Amino acid sequence: MNTTRRMAAMSGAAQCCVPVVASVFFLLAGCAGREEKVESVEELLSASGFTTFYAQNPQQQANLEKIPQRQLVAHRTGKAVTYLYADDELCDCVYVGDQQAEDRLKQLAARKVQADKRLMASELKLDMTENPQMWMMGNGFGY
């Protein structure tokens, strides 16, 4: 589907968008700041095969604003499902993907969560082994 048809199709998206249970994005919330989190979500969307469309005129901007922001929503057209992730604040764009892209997004998000957990555990272990003040009480170790 070309860009014009996709943007036109999105004009009706607000009426038939169904919020997707986006545990993917809840998993990514973690301790990251808002801008860092959104950047990670956008990177995951791109890596998953979602296509980015930027609002380039007033009609497209109006359509973008009708889509729930920073949420993955499903838009059904016949038997096909298209997934949308709109962000009118940071990129003034909408990410559009099919079922295959959404499946890949779930896989990549799960991998990212596991990698973040391993990194956090590794950093904690490093702090405990390389920071003697963490273990010291008074003049010596607190046995």
N, C-alpha and C. Protein backbone atom coordinates (compact mmCIF):
# COMPACT_ATOMS: atom_id res chain seq x y z
N MET A 1 0.86 -1.17 0.00
CA MET A 1 0.00 0.00 0.00
C MET A 1 0.90 1.23 0.00
N ASN A 2 0.61 2.21 -0.87
CA ASN A 2 1.48 3.38 -0.93
C ASN A 2 1.22 4.32 0.24
N THR A 3 2.09 5.32 0.37
CA THR A 3 2.03 6.24 1.50
C THR A 3 0.70 7.00 1.55
N THR A 4 0.24 7.49 0.41
CA THR A 4 -1.01 8.26 0.39
C THR A 4 -2.18 7.40 0.84
N ARG A 5 -2.28 6.17 0.34
CA ARG A 5 -3.38 5.29 0.73
C ARG A 5 -3.29 4.94 2.20
N ARG A 6 -2.08 4.72 2.73
CA ARG A 6 -1.95 4.40 4.15
C ARG A 6 -2.40 5.56 5.01
N MET A 7 -1.95 6.77 4.64
CA MET A 7 -2.34 7.94 5.43
C MET A 7 -3.84 8.16 5.32
N ALA A 8 -4.44 7.93 4.15
CA ALA A 8 -5.88 8.07 3.99
C ALA A 8 -6.60 7.02 4.83
N ALA A 9 -6.07 5.80 4.84
CA ALA A 9 -6.69 4.73 5.63
C ALA A 9 -6.64 5.07 7.12
N MET A 10 -5.60 5.77 7.52
CA MET A 10 -5.47 6.11 8.93
C MET A 10 -6.47 7.16 9.35
N SER A 11 -7.07 7.90 8.38
CA SER A 11 -8.04 8.91 8.77
C SER A 11 -9.21 8.28 9.50
N GLY A 12 -9.55 7.05 9.16
CA GLY A 12 -10.62 6.35 9.85
C GLY A 12 -10.13 5.53 11.01
N ALA A 13 -8.83 5.57 11.26
CA ALA A 13 -8.25 4.71 12.30
C ALA A 13 -8.80 5.02 13.67
N ALA A 14 -9.12 6.28 13.93
CA ALA A 14 -9.61 6.63 15.26
C ALA A 14 -10.93 5.95 15.56
N GLN A 15 -11.74 5.71 14.53
CA GLN A 15 -13.03 5.07 14.77
C GLN A 15 -12.88 3.57 14.98
N CYS A 16 -11.86 2.95 14.40
CA CYS A 16 -11.81 1.49 14.51
C CYS A 16 -10.49 0.99 15.11
N CYS A 17 -9.81 1.84 15.81
CA CYS A 17 -8.59 1.38 16.48
C CYS A 17 -8.97 0.63 17.75
N VAL A 18 -8.30 -0.45 17.99
CA VAL A 18 -8.51 -1.23 19.20
C VAL A 18 -7.19 -1.26 19.94
N PRO A 19 -7.12 -0.73 21.17
CA PRO A 19 -5.85 -0.79 21.89
C PRO A 19 -5.39 -2.24 22.04
N VAL A 20 -4.14 -2.45 21.74
CA VAL A 20 -3.54 -3.77 21.85
C VAL A 20 -3.02 -3.91 23.27
N VAL A 21 -3.20 -5.07 23.86
CA VAL A 21 -2.63 -5.29 25.18
C VAL A 21 -1.12 -5.23 24.97
N ALA A 22 -0.55 -4.10 25.28
CA ALA A 22 0.84 -3.83 24.93
C ALA A 22 1.76 -4.10 26.10
N SER A 23 1.79 -5.34 26.53
CA SER A 23 2.72 -5.70 27.61
C SER A 23 4.14 -5.43 27.16
N VAL A 24 4.36 -5.42 25.87
CA VAL A 24 5.68 -5.12 25.32
C VAL A 24 6.17 -3.79 25.87
N PHE A 25 5.31 -2.78 25.83
CA PHE A 25 5.75 -1.46 26.24
C PHE A 25 5.78 -1.30 27.75
N PHE A 26 4.95 -2.06 28.46
CA PHE A 26 5.03 -2.04 29.92
C PHE A 26 6.36 -2.66 30.36
N LEU A 27 6.80 -3.69 29.66
CA LEU A 27 8.07 -4.32 29.99
C LEU A 27 9.22 -3.36 29.80
N LEU A 28 9.09 -2.47 28.84
CA LEU A 28 10.17 -1.54 28.54
C LEU A 28 10.20 -0.34 29.47
N ALA A 29 9.16 -0.16 30.26
CA ALA A 29 9.07 1.03 31.10
C ALA A 29 10.24 1.14 32.06
N GLY A 30 10.56 0.06 32.75
CA GLY A 30 11.73 -0.02 33.62
C GLY A 30 12.03 1.24 34.38
N CYS A 31 13.32 1.52 34.52
CA CYS A 31 13.77 2.69 35.26
C CYS A 31 14.23 3.80 34.33
N ALA A 32 14.12 3.61 33.04
CA ALA A 32 14.60 4.60 32.09
C ALA A 32 13.74 5.86 32.15
N GLY A 33 14.37 6.97 31.79
CA GLY A 33 13.64 8.22 31.69
C GLY A 33 12.70 8.16 30.50
N ARG A 34 11.73 9.06 30.45
CA ARG A 34 10.71 9.04 29.41
C ARG A 34 11.32 9.12 28.01
N GLU A 35 12.24 10.06 27.79
CA GLU A 35 12.82 10.23 26.46
C GLU A 35 13.62 8.99 26.06
N GLU A 36 14.39 8.43 26.99
CA GLU A 36 15.17 7.23 26.71
C GLU A 36 14.25 6.06 26.39
N LYS A 37 13.15 5.93 27.14
CA LYS A 37 12.21 4.83 26.91
C LYS A 37 11.59 4.93 25.53
N VAL A 38 11.14 6.14 25.17
CA VAL A 38 10.50 6.33 23.87
C VAL A 38 11.49 6.04 22.76
N GLU A 39 12.73 6.48 22.93
CA GLU A 39 13.76 6.21 21.94
C GLU A 39 13.92 4.70 21.76
N SER A 40 13.93 3.95 22.84
CA SER A 40 14.06 2.50 22.76
C SER A 40 12.86 1.89 22.05
N VAL A 41 11.67 2.37 22.33
CA VAL A 41 10.47 1.85 21.68
C VAL A 41 10.55 2.12 20.19
N GLU A 42 10.94 3.34 19.82
CA GLU A 42 11.05 3.68 18.40
C GLU A 42 12.09 2.83 17.70
N GLU A 43 13.20 2.56 18.37
CA GLU A 43 14.24 1.69 17.79
C GLU A 43 13.69 0.28 17.60
N LEU A 44 12.96 -0.22 18.58
CA LEU A 44 12.38 -1.56 18.47
C LEU A 44 11.35 -1.63 17.34
N LEU A 45 10.53 -0.60 17.21
CA LEU A 45 9.55 -0.58 16.14
C LEU A 45 10.24 -0.64 14.78
N SER A 46 11.25 0.18 14.59
CA SER A 46 11.98 0.19 13.32
C SER A 46 12.65 -1.15 13.06
N ALA A 47 13.30 -1.70 14.07
CA ALA A 47 13.99 -2.98 13.92
C ALA A 47 13.01 -4.13 13.66
N SER A 48 11.77 -3.96 14.07
CA SER A 48 10.76 -5.00 13.90
C SER A 48 10.11 -4.99 12.52
N GLY A 49 10.39 -3.97 11.74
CA GLY A 49 9.82 -3.91 10.41
C GLY A 49 8.68 -2.92 10.26
N PHE A 50 8.43 -2.12 11.29
CA PHE A 50 7.42 -1.07 11.16
C PHE A 50 7.98 0.03 10.25
N THR A 51 7.11 0.63 9.45
CA THR A 51 7.50 1.71 8.56
C THR A 51 7.08 3.02 9.20
N THR A 52 7.95 4.02 9.13
CA THR A 52 7.68 5.33 9.73
C THR A 52 7.09 6.26 8.68
N PHE A 53 5.98 6.90 9.03
CA PHE A 53 5.37 7.91 8.17
C PHE A 53 5.28 9.21 8.96
N TYR A 54 5.80 10.29 8.39
CA TYR A 54 5.80 11.59 9.04
C TYR A 54 4.62 12.41 8.53
N ALA A 55 3.96 13.13 9.43
CA ALA A 55 2.87 14.01 9.03
C ALA A 55 3.47 15.17 8.25
N GLN A 56 3.05 15.33 6.99
CA GLN A 56 3.65 16.34 6.13
C GLN A 56 2.68 17.43 5.69
N ASN A 57 1.44 17.33 6.12
CA ASN A 57 0.48 18.38 5.78
C ASN A 57 -0.58 18.41 6.89
N PRO A 58 -1.43 19.43 6.88
CA PRO A 58 -2.43 19.56 7.96
C PRO A 58 -3.37 18.36 8.07
N GLN A 59 -3.78 17.76 6.95
CA GLN A 59 -4.68 16.60 7.00
C GLN A 59 -4.00 15.41 7.67
N GLN A 60 -2.75 15.15 7.30
CA GLN A 60 -2.02 14.05 7.92
C GLN A 60 -1.80 14.33 9.41
N GLN A 61 -1.52 15.58 9.77
CA GLN A 61 -1.34 15.94 11.18
C GLN A 61 -2.63 15.70 11.95
N ALA A 62 -3.76 16.06 11.35
CA ALA A 62 -5.06 15.84 12.01
C ALA A 62 -5.32 14.35 12.18
N ASN A 63 -4.99 13.55 11.18
CA ASN A 63 -5.16 12.10 11.28
C ASN A 63 -4.26 11.52 12.36
N LEU A 64 -3.03 11.99 12.42
CA LEU A 64 -2.07 11.53 13.43
C LEU A 64 -2.60 11.80 14.84
N GLU A 65 -3.19 12.96 15.05
CA GLU A 65 -3.68 13.34 16.37
C GLU A 65 -4.90 12.54 16.80
N LYS A 66 -5.61 11.90 15.86
CA LYS A 66 -6.78 11.08 16.19
C LYS A 66 -6.38 9.70 16.72
N ILE A 67 -5.16 9.28 16.43
CA ILE A 67 -4.69 7.96 16.86
C ILE A 67 -4.21 8.07 18.31
N PRO A 68 -4.56 7.13 19.18
CA PRO A 68 -4.03 7.16 20.55
C PRO A 68 -2.50 7.25 20.52
N GLN A 69 -1.96 8.16 21.30
CA GLN A 69 -0.53 8.44 21.26
C GLN A 69 0.28 7.49 22.14
N ARG A 70 1.45 7.11 21.61
CA ARG A 70 2.43 6.25 22.30
C ARG A 70 1.79 4.98 22.85
N GLN A 71 0.90 4.42 22.03
CA GLN A 71 0.27 3.13 22.34
C GLN A 71 0.23 2.33 21.05
N LEU A 72 0.42 1.05 21.16
CA LEU A 72 0.28 0.19 19.99
C LEU A 72 -1.19 -0.13 19.85
N VAL A 73 -1.76 0.22 18.70
CA VAL A 73 -3.17 -0.05 18.46
C VAL A 73 -3.33 -0.86 17.18
N ALA A 74 -4.36 -1.68 17.17
CA ALA A 74 -4.65 -2.52 16.00
C ALA A 74 -5.78 -1.88 15.20
N HIS A 75 -5.62 -1.88 13.90
CA HIS A 75 -6.65 -1.34 12.99
C HIS A 75 -6.99 -2.45 12.02
N ARG A 76 -8.23 -2.91 12.08
CA ARG A 76 -8.67 -4.01 11.22
C ARG A 76 -9.33 -3.47 9.96
N THR A 77 -8.87 -3.98 8.83
CA THR A 77 -9.47 -3.68 7.53
C THR A 77 -9.75 -5.01 6.87
N GLY A 78 -10.99 -5.44 6.89
CA GLY A 78 -11.32 -6.77 6.36
C GLY A 78 -10.66 -7.82 7.24
N LYS A 79 -9.88 -8.69 6.62
CA LYS A 79 -9.18 -9.73 7.38
C LYS A 79 -7.80 -9.28 7.84
N ALA A 80 -7.29 -8.22 7.26
CA ALA A 80 -5.94 -7.75 7.58
C ALA A 80 -5.96 -6.86 8.83
N VAL A 81 -4.91 -7.00 9.62
CA VAL A 81 -4.74 -6.14 10.79
C VAL A 81 -3.47 -5.34 10.59
N THR A 82 -3.59 -4.03 10.79
CA THR A 82 -2.44 -3.14 10.73
C THR A 82 -2.23 -2.58 12.12
N TYR A 83 -0.99 -2.52 12.55
CA TYR A 83 -0.66 -1.99 13.88
C TYR A 83 -0.07 -0.60 13.72
N LEU A 84 -0.53 0.31 14.58
CA LEU A 84 -0.10 1.70 14.54
C LEU A 84 0.49 2.11 15.89
N TYR A 85 1.54 2.89 15.83
CA TYR A 85 2.12 3.50 17.02
C TYR A 85 2.39 4.95 16.65
N ALA A 86 1.60 5.86 17.19
CA ALA A 86 1.70 7.28 16.84
C ALA A 86 2.43 8.05 17.92
N ASP A 87 3.21 9.05 17.50
CA ASP A 87 3.88 9.93 18.45
C ASP A 87 3.94 11.32 17.84
N ASP A 88 2.95 12.14 18.19
CA ASP A 88 2.91 13.50 17.65
C ASP A 88 3.77 14.47 18.44
N GLU A 89 4.37 14.00 19.53
CA GLU A 89 5.19 14.89 20.35
C GLU A 89 6.66 14.86 19.94
N LEU A 90 7.25 13.68 19.86
CA LEU A 90 8.68 13.60 19.59
C LEU A 90 9.03 13.54 18.11
N CYS A 91 8.30 12.75 17.32
CA CYS A 91 8.69 12.60 15.91
C CYS A 91 7.62 13.09 14.94
N ASP A 92 6.43 13.41 15.44
CA ASP A 92 5.33 13.82 14.58
C ASP A 92 5.13 12.78 13.48
N CYS A 93 5.04 11.51 13.93
CA CYS A 93 5.00 10.41 12.98
C CYS A 93 4.13 9.27 13.51
N VAL A 94 3.89 8.32 12.62
CA VAL A 94 3.20 7.09 12.99
C VAL A 94 3.99 5.92 12.42
N TYR A 95 4.18 4.90 13.23
CA TYR A 95 4.81 3.67 12.80
C TYR A 95 3.69 2.72 12.40
N VAL A 96 3.82 2.10 11.23
CA VAL A 96 2.79 1.22 10.70
C VAL A 96 3.42 -0.14 10.43
N GLY A 97 2.79 -1.20 10.96
CA GLY A 97 3.31 -2.55 10.74
C GLY A 97 2.20 -3.56 10.59
N ASP A 98 2.54 -4.70 10.03
CA ASP A 98 1.58 -5.79 9.87
C ASP A 98 1.74 -6.79 11.02
N GLN A 99 1.04 -7.91 10.94
CA GLN A 99 1.09 -8.91 12.00
C GLN A 99 2.51 -9.44 12.19
N GLN A 100 3.22 -9.64 11.11
CA GLN A 100 4.59 -10.14 11.18
C GLN A 100 5.49 -9.15 11.95
N ALA A 101 5.33 -7.87 11.68
CA ALA A 101 6.11 -6.85 12.39
C ALA A 101 5.75 -6.82 13.86
N GLU A 102 4.47 -6.98 14.18
CA GLU A 102 4.05 -6.98 15.59
C GLU A 102 4.60 -8.20 16.32
N ASP A 103 4.60 -9.36 15.66
CA ASP A 103 5.18 -10.57 16.26
C ASP A 103 6.67 -10.38 16.52
N ARG A 104 7.37 -9.79 15.55
CA ARG A 104 8.81 -9.53 15.70
C ARG A 104 9.05 -8.53 16.83
N LEU A 105 8.18 -7.55 16.96
CA LEU A 105 8.29 -6.56 18.03
C LEU A 105 8.24 -7.24 19.40
N LYS A 106 7.31 -8.16 19.58
CA LYS A 106 7.20 -8.89 20.85
C LYS A 106 8.49 -9.66 21.14
N GLN A 107 9.04 -10.31 20.12
CA GLN A 107 10.27 -11.08 20.30
C GLN A 107 11.43 -10.17 20.69
N LEU A 108 11.60 -9.07 19.97
CA LEU A 108 12.70 -8.15 20.26
C LEU A 108 12.55 -7.50 21.63
N ALA A 109 11.33 -7.15 21.99
CA ALA A 109 11.09 -6.53 23.30
C ALA A 109 11.43 -7.50 24.43
N ALA A 110 11.05 -8.77 24.27
CA ALA A 110 11.37 -9.78 25.29
C ALA A 110 12.88 -9.95 25.42
N ARG A 111 13.58 -9.96 24.30
CA ARG A 111 15.05 -10.07 24.33
C ARG A 111 15.67 -8.86 25.01
N LYS A 112 15.12 -7.67 24.72
CA LYS A 112 15.65 -6.46 25.33
C LYS A 112 15.46 -6.47 26.85
N VAL A 113 14.31 -6.92 27.29
CA VAL A 113 14.04 -6.99 28.73
C VAL A 113 15.05 -7.93 29.39
N GLN A 114 15.28 -9.08 28.78
CA GLN A 114 16.25 -10.03 29.35
C GLN A 114 17.65 -9.45 29.37
N ALA A 115 18.04 -8.77 28.30
CA ALA A 115 19.37 -8.15 28.25
C ALA A 115 19.50 -7.06 29.30
N ASP A 116 18.44 -6.27 29.49
CA ASP A 116 18.47 -5.21 30.50
C ASP A 116 18.59 -5.81 31.90
N LYS A 117 17.91 -6.92 32.16
CA LYS A 117 18.01 -7.58 33.46
C LYS A 117 19.42 -8.09 33.71
N ARG A 118 20.02 -8.70 32.67
CA ARG A 118 21.39 -9.19 32.82
C ARG A 118 22.36 -8.04 33.06
N LEU A 119 22.18 -6.94 32.36
CA LEU A 119 23.04 -5.78 32.54
C LEU A 119 22.90 -5.22 33.95
N MET A 120 21.67 -5.12 34.45
CA MET A 120 21.45 -4.60 35.80
C MET A 120 22.10 -5.51 36.84
N ALA A 121 21.95 -6.81 36.68
CA ALA A 121 22.56 -7.76 37.62
C ALA A 121 24.08 -7.66 37.56
N SER A 122 24.62 -7.51 36.38
CA SER A 122 26.06 -7.38 36.21
C SER A 122 26.58 -6.10 36.86
N GLU A 123 25.87 -5.00 36.68
CA GLU A 123 26.27 -3.74 37.29
C GLU A 123 26.20 -3.82 38.82
N LEU A 124 25.18 -4.48 39.35
CA LEU A 124 25.04 -4.65 40.79
C LEU A 124 26.20 -5.48 41.32
N LYS A 125 26.53 -6.55 40.63
CA LYS A 125 27.63 -7.41 41.05
C LYS A 125 28.94 -6.63 41.03
N LEU A 126 29.16 -5.81 40.00
CA LEU A 126 30.36 -5.01 39.91
C LEU A 126 30.43 -4.02 41.06
N ASP A 127 29.30 -3.37 41.40
CA ASP A 127 29.27 -2.43 42.52
C ASP A 127 29.65 -3.14 43.82
N MET A 128 29.15 -4.34 44.02
CA MET A 128 29.41 -5.06 45.27
C MET A 128 30.86 -5.50 45.37
N THR A 129 31.48 -5.84 44.26
CA THR A 129 32.86 -6.34 44.32
C THR A 129 33.89 -5.23 44.26
N GLU A 130 33.57 -4.12 43.63
CA GLU A 130 34.56 -3.06 43.46
C GLU A 130 34.32 -1.85 44.37
N ASN A 131 33.34 -1.92 45.22
CA ASN A 131 33.04 -0.80 46.09
C ASN A 131 33.12 -1.27 47.55
N PRO A 132 34.34 -1.25 48.13
CA PRO A 132 34.50 -1.76 49.49
C PRO A 132 33.69 -0.99 50.53
N GLN A 133 33.39 0.29 50.28
CA GLN A 133 32.61 1.06 51.24
C GLN A 133 31.23 0.44 51.43
N MET A 134 30.77 -0.26 50.45
CA MET A 134 29.47 -0.90 50.54
C MET A 134 29.46 -1.97 51.63
N TRP A 135 30.64 -2.54 51.91
CA TRP A 135 30.73 -3.64 52.88
C TRP A 135 31.36 -3.22 54.20
N MET A 136 31.96 -2.06 54.23
CA MET A 136 32.68 -1.66 55.43
C MET A 136 31.77 -0.97 56.44
N MET A 137 32.03 -1.23 57.71
CA MET A 137 31.34 -0.55 58.80
C MET A 137 32.42 -0.07 59.75
N GLY A 138 32.47 1.21 59.96
CA GLY A 138 33.49 1.74 60.88
C GLY A 138 34.87 1.55 60.30
N ASN A 139 35.76 0.87 61.08
CA ASN A 139 37.15 0.68 60.68
C ASN A 139 37.40 -0.61 59.93
N GLY A 140 36.45 -1.46 59.82
CA GLY A 140 36.71 -2.73 59.15
C GLY A 140 35.45 -3.27 58.53
N PHE A 141 35.54 -4.51 58.13
CA PHE A 141 34.37 -5.14 57.53
C PHE A 141 33.37 -5.49 58.63
N GLY A 142 32.12 -5.41 58.32
CA GLY A 142 31.08 -5.65 59.31
C GLY A 142 30.75 -7.12 59.47
N TYR A 143 31.60 -7.87 60.16
CA TYR A 143 31.33 -9.29 60.39
C TYR A 143 30.58 -9.42 61.67
